[in-house]
Each structure stands twice: as C-alpha cells, then as structure tokens.
C-alpha cells in the first residue's frame, strides 16, 4: 500500500516548543545505548556526562564560559535563519574576528591602556562583518548559494590563522610552538569572580541577547525579517527588500561571531592558536534551532550544549570516553531535532488504491 507525506493543516504552538524536549530525551536514550555499545557503564557515563558539570559552583562558572560564545553566535544566526538566510560559516567569521582582535593585541603588546580592549572588540566585530559580507555579496550579486560559500570560507580563515601562528605571529619565545605571545593584561577581559574564568564577555552576551529580543519583537527591522522569511510574496508586495535582509543578516551574524572570537582570544585562551575553539560556530547552529530561534530559548540551549562539552571532558577522564563521542552526541541531538520538527509539520498518509472499472 503506497504512502505519501503531506503537510499538516495546523501546527500547535505546544508541539513546536515540545519538540526540543523530545529531541533531548531521545538523544539521552540513544546515548545510553551508545555508551553500552562502547563497553561503558551507561548510567555512570550519563551521570558524568550530564550531571557532574552542574554539581559545583566552579562547574557552573565553566558552563558560563562555554555557553557564552555559543549563545552570542546563535543569537546572530537566529536572525538570519528567521529570514531563510543560511549562514553556515560562523566558525570562519569567529576565526577572522579573532585574527583582527589578535592583531590589535600584538600590535600594542608593549603598551597598556583602557582603550586597547575596546579597540580589539571593534576589530573583531569588523573582521566578522567583513568575512560575512563575502557570501552576502556573492548571494545578492551573483545568486551563489550562501550555504556553500559561507561554509567553504570557514576553511580559508582557519588556514589563514594557521599561517599567522606558524609564521609571522609566532611567539619568538614559545619554543617553536604554533602560538602567539600571551596577551598582556590590557588585552584580556576582566574576570567577574576571582578563582573562576568567568569574564565580562558573558554579561555583554546577555545584553546582546536582550537587544536581539527587542530587535525582533519591537522594531520594524525585526518585522521585515519575519515577513521576508515566512511570506516572501507579501514581503515583495510590501516593498521589503530581500537583498537588504540578506546583507543585514550576514552583517549581524558576522559581527556576533567576530565578537565571540574576540572574547575567546582575550578570555579563556589569552592568545591565538591554530584551533581557537572546538567548533563553536557549527555547534551554535544546533543551539539556534534547539532554542526555537528565540533569545531566551537560545540561552537555555547554549547551557545545554555547554554541559555536553564539559560533561564530555569529565567522562573522558572518569570513564575513558572517546573524545569523538561528544560530537556524536551533539549530532544525534541535531538529527532528532530535525526529525521531530519534520514530523510535527508533516504526516504520513496512506493512499488507497482505486479500482479501475472495465466496461463489459
């Protein structure tokens, strides 16, 4: 008996917000069997993976450090995703922003002043915006897919960072390791609490999330983004420019990613290295959709993904969990989230076979 997928006439808001919870539960269940297949104790490994990072105050401070860049990048990406503008290269924009900020820190390495850190942030934001402008230009001018260009540019920026830290920016006293000098105190983010790595960039991230919420719910620009994404024909009739929305989406998301790269370089890392993050730019895509493209949901999703990072590190030590398991766990979460979203909007219907009546 043949079947076909057909769109549901209406999707309940309750279902929309319940699908991320269901995706998380399915991921945990799959993780249980994954750890079992690896010959580990599933209950113990899940405890170390999901619970241990939240048991101490220092653990929560580390979650804030990990969640900060994820939330910042995902907030910018969510604006474009609402308009069906698919920026997949936030990792490259993060790297290019970090290069810009690191260049300022190294250029004024022997100097001190309160103006250095703001200048680094400005350079990081401009670096991310410039790198995000490339796929925006190719999309609006030549119709090239922004998915491919933004993704491929990620590898270009990573290779560019490698050239710098292996070459002209390498620390002359770093025993030939591929890294720059450690940034001076004027180039580092101030800490919020002593004894932790929590820095003021986390407070800036929360402020930006609030600003994004106001932008999307209280301004004409936010309304235009929603209309362009949900009703392109109505947007054209109203005179809303698709190209202008593409540019705004890439510039905003690029700025957020570049600032996140600045916070990483001037925060927990304190220098430039070949691999600045464990892939925050890609993980932020999961965070954006898991948070339903809403700033508050993105904050919650950011902490959930931070738990997977920190819990994965704890499980590696305590249970000898392979490092790749963290990526597999995050990948399963994305798979279940997309599957649940698809099934919430479409249903499987059986097609009844019609009997042909032959004339006698």
Protein backbone atom coordinates (compact mmCIF):
# COMPACT_ATOMS: atom_id res chain seq x y z
CA UNK A 1 0.00 0.00 0.00
CA UNK A 2 1.64 3.31 -1.08
CA UNK A 3 2.17 6.17 1.35
CA UNK A 4 2.96 9.85 0.97
CA UNK A 5 3.96 12.74 3.23
CA UNK A 6 1.57 15.67 3.36
CA UNK A 7 1.75 18.92 5.33
CA UNK A 8 -0.40 19.26 8.40
CA UNK A 9 -3.03 21.97 8.21
CA UNK A 10 -2.02 23.48 11.54
CA UNK A 11 0.90 23.01 13.92
CA UNK A 12 0.19 23.58 17.60
CA UNK A 13 2.48 26.02 19.43
CA UNK A 14 2.71 23.44 22.22
CA UNK A 15 4.09 20.91 19.76
CA UNK A 16 6.60 23.43 18.41
CA UNK A 17 8.07 24.03 21.86
CA UNK A 18 7.76 20.39 22.94
CA UNK A 19 9.85 19.00 20.07
CA UNK A 20 13.20 20.21 21.51
CA UNK A 21 12.39 18.49 24.81
CA UNK A 22 11.50 15.29 22.96
CA UNK A 23 14.72 15.55 20.91
CA UNK A 24 16.79 15.86 24.09
CA UNK A 25 15.07 12.83 25.64
CA UNK A 26 15.63 10.74 22.52
CA UNK A 27 19.28 11.81 22.48
CA UNK A 28 19.75 10.73 26.09
CA UNK A 29 18.14 7.36 25.37
CA UNK A 30 20.33 6.87 22.30
CA UNK A 31 23.36 7.93 24.34
CA UNK A 32 22.55 5.21 26.84
CA UNK A 33 22.78 2.53 24.14
CA UNK A 34 25.81 4.22 22.57
CA UNK A 35 27.74 4.02 25.84
CA UNK A 36 26.55 0.45 26.29
CA UNK A 37 27.95 -0.50 22.87
CA UNK A 38 31.25 1.13 23.81
CA UNK A 39 31.53 -1.23 26.78
CA UNK A 40 30.95 1.51 29.37
CA UNK A 41 28.51 1.72 32.24
CA UNK A 42 25.68 3.74 30.64
CA UNK A 43 24.25 5.10 33.90
CA UNK A 44 27.63 6.16 35.26
CA UNK A 45 28.75 7.70 31.98
CA UNK A 46 25.49 9.61 31.58
CA UNK A 47 25.88 10.87 35.14
CA UNK A 48 29.36 12.18 34.41
CA UNK A 49 28.22 13.50 31.03
CA UNK A 50 25.07 15.36 32.09
CA UNK A 51 25.05 15.80 35.87
CA UNK A 52 28.65 16.22 37.04
CA UNK A 53 29.21 19.59 35.28
CA UNK A 54 26.39 21.14 37.34
CA UNK A 55 27.33 19.93 40.84
CA UNK A 56 29.75 22.69 41.86
CA UNK A 57 29.88 26.45 41.64
CA UNK A 58 33.08 26.24 39.63
CA UNK A 59 31.33 23.82 37.29
CA UNK A 60 28.59 26.38 36.67
CA UNK A 61 31.19 29.07 36.05
CA UNK A 62 32.79 26.86 33.41
CA UNK A 63 29.38 26.31 31.84
CA UNK A 64 29.02 30.09 31.55
CA UNK A 65 32.42 30.28 29.84
CA UNK A 66 31.41 27.61 27.32
CA UNK A 67 27.83 28.84 26.83
CA UNK A 68 28.83 32.48 26.26
CA UNK A 69 30.21 32.16 22.70
CA UNK A 70 27.53 29.63 21.74
CA UNK A 71 24.73 32.00 22.80
CA UNK A 72 26.38 35.02 21.19
CA UNK A 73 26.87 33.30 17.83
CA UNK A 74 23.47 31.57 17.84
CA UNK A 75 21.67 34.85 18.60
CA UNK A 76 23.11 36.41 15.44
CA UNK A 77 22.46 33.31 13.34
CA UNK A 78 18.84 33.11 14.51
CA UNK A 79 18.06 36.49 12.95
CA UNK A 80 19.17 35.26 9.54
CA UNK A 81 17.53 31.87 9.92
CA UNK A 82 14.19 33.57 10.53
CA UNK A 83 14.60 35.20 7.12
CA UNK A 84 15.67 31.91 5.49
CA UNK A 85 19.23 33.23 5.14
CA UNK A 86 21.51 30.30 5.90
CA UNK A 87 24.84 31.42 7.31
CA UNK A 88 26.72 28.17 7.94
CA UNK A 89 30.15 29.82 8.19
CA UNK A 90 30.01 31.39 11.65
CA UNK A 91 33.12 29.41 12.60
CA UNK A 92 35.06 31.20 9.87
CA UNK A 93 33.69 34.59 10.91
CA UNK A 94 34.65 33.81 14.51
CA UNK A 95 38.18 32.96 13.40
CA UNK A 96 38.52 36.08 11.27
CA UNK A 97 37.23 38.23 14.13
CA UNK A 98 39.79 36.64 16.45
CA UNK A 99 42.53 37.39 13.90
CA UNK A 100 41.50 41.05 13.83
CA UNK A 101 41.40 41.31 17.62
CA UNK A 102 44.65 39.38 18.00
CA UNK A 103 46.37 41.66 15.51
CA UNK A 104 45.49 44.67 17.69
CA UNK A 105 46.67 42.89 20.85
CA UNK A 106 50.01 42.01 19.27
CA UNK A 107 50.48 45.42 17.64
CA UNK A 108 50.21 47.11 21.05
CA UNK A 109 51.83 44.30 23.02
CA UNK A 110 54.31 46.59 24.78
CA UNK A 111 51.71 49.21 25.64
CA UNK A 112 48.96 49.46 28.22
CA UNK A 113 45.72 51.40 28.32
CA UNK A 114 41.99 51.05 28.75
CA UNK A 115 41.49 51.74 25.05
CA UNK A 116 43.19 48.54 23.82
CA UNK A 117 40.41 46.09 24.73
CA UNK A 118 37.58 48.17 23.17
CA UNK A 119 39.72 48.54 20.05
CA UNK A 120 40.16 44.76 19.96
CA UNK A 121 36.39 44.27 20.23
CA UNK A 122 35.83 46.73 17.40
CA UNK A 123 38.42 44.96 15.24
CA UNK A 124 36.81 41.59 15.99
CA UNK A 125 33.35 42.86 15.09
CA UNK A 126 34.60 44.44 11.85
CA UNK A 127 36.53 41.27 10.99
CA UNK A 128 33.44 39.11 11.40
CA UNK A 129 31.29 41.56 9.41
CA UNK A 130 33.81 41.76 6.56
CA UNK A 131 34.06 37.99 6.37
CA UNK A 132 30.27 37.67 6.50
CA UNK A 133 29.93 40.26 3.73
CA UNK A 134 31.65 37.95 1.22
CA UNK A 135 28.84 35.32 0.98
CA UNK A 136 26.27 38.15 1.21
CA UNK A 137 27.81 39.84 -1.84
CA UNK A 138 28.03 36.59 -3.79
CA UNK A 139 24.40 35.80 -2.94
CA UNK A 140 22.89 39.19 -3.80
CA UNK A 141 25.08 39.92 -6.83
CA UNK A 142 25.54 36.53 -8.47
CA UNK A 143 22.91 34.31 -6.82
CA UNK A 144 25.53 31.94 -5.37
CA UNK A 145 24.32 29.70 -2.55
CA UNK A 146 25.25 31.26 0.77
CA UNK A 147 25.35 27.80 2.35
CA UNK A 148 28.29 26.70 0.21
CA UNK A 149 30.25 29.95 0.21
CA UNK A 150 29.96 30.63 3.93
CA UNK A 151 30.91 27.03 4.74
CA UNK A 152 33.92 26.90 2.43
CA UNK A 153 35.22 30.26 3.66
CA UNK A 154 35.49 28.70 7.11
CA UNK A 155 38.42 26.58 5.98
CA UNK A 156 40.08 29.59 4.36
CA UNK A 157 40.05 31.54 7.63
CA UNK A 158 41.31 28.53 9.60
CA UNK A 159 44.22 28.10 7.19
CA UNK A 160 44.89 31.83 7.37
CA UNK A 161 45.09 31.68 11.16
CA UNK A 162 47.45 28.71 10.87
CA UNK A 163 49.74 30.64 8.52
CA UNK A 164 49.95 33.51 11.01
CA UNK A 165 50.62 31.46 14.16
CA UNK A 166 53.12 29.24 12.37
CA UNK A 167 54.76 32.21 10.70
CA UNK A 168 54.99 35.95 11.38
CA UNK A 169 52.91 36.00 14.58
CA UNK A 170 54.58 33.02 16.24
CA UNK A 171 55.89 33.66 19.74
CA UNK A 172 59.68 34.02 19.46
CA UNK A 173 60.00 32.63 22.99
CA UNK A 174 57.38 29.90 22.57
CA UNK A 175 59.83 27.02 21.94
CA UNK A 176 58.68 26.85 18.30
CA UNK A 177 55.06 26.01 19.21
CA UNK A 178 52.42 27.40 16.81
CA UNK A 179 51.05 30.13 19.03
CA UNK A 180 51.32 33.87 19.50
CA UNK A 181 52.58 35.71 22.55
CA UNK A 182 50.29 35.65 25.54
CA UNK A 183 48.22 38.81 25.54
CA UNK A 184 49.07 41.47 28.10
CA UNK A 185 46.68 42.42 30.90
CA UNK A 186 45.33 45.38 28.91
CA UNK A 187 44.27 42.94 26.16
CA UNK A 188 42.48 40.46 28.43
CA UNK A 189 38.86 40.52 29.54
CA UNK A 190 38.36 41.36 33.24
CA UNK A 191 37.12 38.48 35.37
CA UNK A 192 33.75 38.67 37.12
CA UNK A 193 34.66 36.35 40.01
CA UNK A 194 38.08 35.51 41.37
CA UNK A 195 39.04 31.86 41.16
CA UNK A 196 36.98 31.31 38.03
CA UNK A 197 37.33 32.05 34.33
CA UNK A 198 34.04 33.97 34.11
CA UNK A 199 34.68 37.25 32.29
CA UNK A 200 32.69 40.35 31.40
CA UNK A 201 32.06 38.99 27.92
CA UNK A 202 29.34 36.82 29.44
CA UNK A 203 27.48 39.91 30.66
CA UNK A 204 27.88 41.50 27.22
CA UNK A 205 26.41 38.35 25.66
CA UNK A 206 23.33 38.55 27.89
CA UNK A 207 22.89 42.23 26.98
CA UNK A 208 23.14 41.39 23.26
CA UNK A 209 20.54 38.63 23.67
CA UNK A 210 18.18 41.16 25.24
CA UNK A 211 18.87 43.62 22.42
CA UNK A 212 18.16 40.88 19.85
CA UNK A 213 14.84 40.12 21.53
CA UNK A 214 13.89 43.81 21.36
CA UNK A 215 15.02 44.00 17.73
CA UNK A 216 12.91 41.03 16.64
CA UNK A 217 9.77 41.89 18.63
CA UNK A 218 9.67 45.69 18.89
CA UNK A 219 11.19 47.10 15.70
CA UNK A 220 10.27 47.40 12.02
CA UNK A 221 13.53 45.70 11.04
CA UNK A 222 12.60 42.61 13.04
CA UNK A 223 9.14 42.58 11.47
CA UNK A 224 10.67 42.78 7.99
CA UNK A 225 12.94 39.83 8.76
CA UNK A 226 9.96 37.70 9.81
CA UNK A 227 7.87 38.67 6.78
CA UNK A 228 10.71 38.01 4.31
CA UNK A 229 11.22 34.57 5.84
CA UNK A 230 7.60 33.49 6.29
CA UNK A 231 5.84 35.21 3.37
CA UNK A 232 8.23 36.26 0.58
CA UNK A 233 5.37 37.26 -1.75
CA UNK A 234 3.86 39.52 0.91
CA UNK A 235 7.30 40.98 1.58
CA UNK A 236 7.73 41.89 -2.08
CA UNK A 237 4.25 43.42 -2.16
CA UNK A 238 5.08 45.49 0.93
CA UNK A 239 8.35 46.67 -0.61
CA UNK A 240 10.65 44.78 1.78
CA UNK A 241 13.98 44.17 0.07
CA UNK A 242 15.21 40.58 0.10
CA UNK A 243 18.76 41.66 -0.66
CA UNK A 244 18.78 44.19 2.17
CA UNK A 245 17.62 41.48 4.55
CA UNK A 246 20.41 39.15 3.37
CA UNK A 247 23.01 41.85 3.98
CA UNK A 248 21.63 42.68 7.41
CA UNK A 249 21.52 39.01 8.41
CA UNK A 250 25.11 38.32 7.41
CA UNK A 251 26.48 41.51 8.91
CA UNK A 252 24.69 40.98 12.23
CA UNK A 253 25.61 37.30 12.50
CA UNK A 254 29.17 38.02 11.36
CA UNK A 255 29.50 40.74 13.99
CA UNK A 256 28.29 38.38 16.72
CA UNK A 257 30.64 35.61 15.61
CA UNK A 258 33.58 38.02 15.35
CA UNK A 259 32.90 39.36 18.83
CA UNK A 260 32.70 35.78 20.13
CA UNK A 261 36.11 35.11 18.60
CA UNK A 262 37.45 38.21 20.33
CA UNK A 263 36.07 37.04 23.68
CA UNK A 264 37.68 33.63 23.24
CA UNK A 265 41.07 35.03 22.28
CA UNK A 266 41.02 37.70 25.01
CA UNK A 267 39.30 35.46 27.55
CA UNK A 268 39.96 31.80 28.36
CA UNK A 269 42.63 31.29 25.65
CA UNK A 270 44.59 34.52 26.10
CA UNK A 271 46.42 34.21 22.77
CA UNK A 272 45.94 32.94 19.22
CA UNK A 273 46.41 29.24 18.48
CA UNK A 274 45.68 27.21 15.31
CA UNK A 275 42.36 25.88 16.66
CA UNK A 276 40.78 28.55 18.79
CA UNK A 277 37.52 26.74 19.61
CA UNK A 278 36.19 23.17 19.47
CA UNK A 279 33.76 24.21 16.72
CA UNK A 280 31.51 26.75 18.44
CA UNK A 281 30.46 28.23 15.11
CA UNK A 282 28.95 24.93 13.96
CA UNK A 283 27.52 23.97 17.35
CA UNK A 284 25.78 27.35 17.52
CA UNK A 285 23.59 26.25 14.60
CA UNK A 286 22.22 23.46 16.80
CA UNK A 287 21.81 25.94 19.66
CA UNK A 288 19.80 28.33 17.48
CA UNK A 289 17.32 25.68 16.36
CA UNK A 290 17.15 23.96 19.73
CA UNK A 291 16.24 27.35 21.23
CA UNK A 292 13.49 27.82 18.62
CA UNK A 293 15.33 30.90 17.26
CA UNK A 294 14.25 32.81 20.38
CA UNK A 295 16.88 34.61 22.52
CA UNK A 296 15.62 33.11 25.79
CA UNK A 297 15.46 29.62 24.31
CA UNK A 298 18.93 30.11 22.85
CA UNK A 299 20.34 30.88 26.31
CA UNK A 300 18.86 27.65 27.69
CA UNK A 301 20.07 25.66 24.68
CA UNK A 302 23.52 27.22 24.99
CA UNK A 303 23.88 25.95 28.55
CA UNK A 304 22.67 22.51 27.46
CA UNK A 305 25.34 22.31 24.78
CA UNK A 306 27.92 23.63 27.25
CA UNK A 307 27.03 20.70 29.51
CA UNK A 308 27.79 18.33 26.62
CA UNK A 309 31.25 19.89 26.20
CA UNK A 310 32.20 19.91 29.88
CA UNK A 311 30.49 16.60 30.59
CA UNK A 312 32.33 15.04 27.67
CA UNK A 313 35.65 16.16 29.15
CA UNK A 314 34.73 14.73 32.56
CA UNK A 315 33.61 11.42 31.02
CA UNK A 316 36.89 11.21 29.07
CA UNK A 317 38.80 11.32 32.36
CA UNK A 318 36.48 9.25 34.54
CA UNK A 319 35.19 6.69 32.03
CA UNK A 320 37.75 6.88 29.20
CA UNK A 321 35.03 8.02 26.83
CA UNK A 322 36.40 8.72 23.33
CA UNK A 323 36.66 12.41 22.52
CA UNK A 324 34.59 11.95 19.37
CA UNK A 325 31.61 10.84 21.47
CA UNK A 326 30.80 14.48 22.30
CA UNK A 327 30.43 15.28 18.61
CA UNK A 328 28.32 12.16 18.08
CA UNK A 329 26.09 13.19 20.99
CA UNK A 330 25.59 16.66 19.50
CA UNK A 331 24.98 15.19 16.06
CA UNK A 332 22.27 12.88 17.41
CA UNK A 333 20.62 15.86 19.06
CA UNK A 334 20.52 17.74 15.76
CA UNK A 335 19.18 14.66 13.93
CA UNK A 336 16.36 14.10 16.41
CA UNK A 337 15.52 17.80 16.46
CA UNK A 338 15.19 17.93 12.68
CA UNK A 339 13.22 14.67 12.64
CA UNK A 340 10.80 15.87 15.31
CA UNK A 341 10.38 19.20 13.54
CA UNK A 342 9.64 17.43 10.25
CA UNK A 343 7.09 15.07 11.78
CA UNK A 344 5.41 17.95 13.61
CA UNK A 345 4.80 19.69 10.26
CA UNK A 346 4.11 16.66 8.04
CA UNK A 347 2.24 13.42 8.45
CA UNK A 348 2.36 10.07 6.70
CA UNK A 349 -0.87 9.24 4.87
CA UNK A 350 -1.79 6.00 3.19
CA UNK A 351 -3.02 6.27 -0.37
CA UNK A 352 -5.88 3.91 -1.11
CA UNK A 353 -5.69 2.14 -4.45
CA UNK A 354 -8.56 2.88 -6.83
CA UNK A 355 -10.10 0.00 -8.70
CA UNK A 356 -10.49 0.57 -12.39
CA UNK A 357 -13.92 -0.41 -13.76
CA UNK A 358 -13.65 -2.06 -17.15
CA UNK A 359 -16.68 -1.77 -19.44
CA UNK A 360 -18.43 -5.08 -20.14
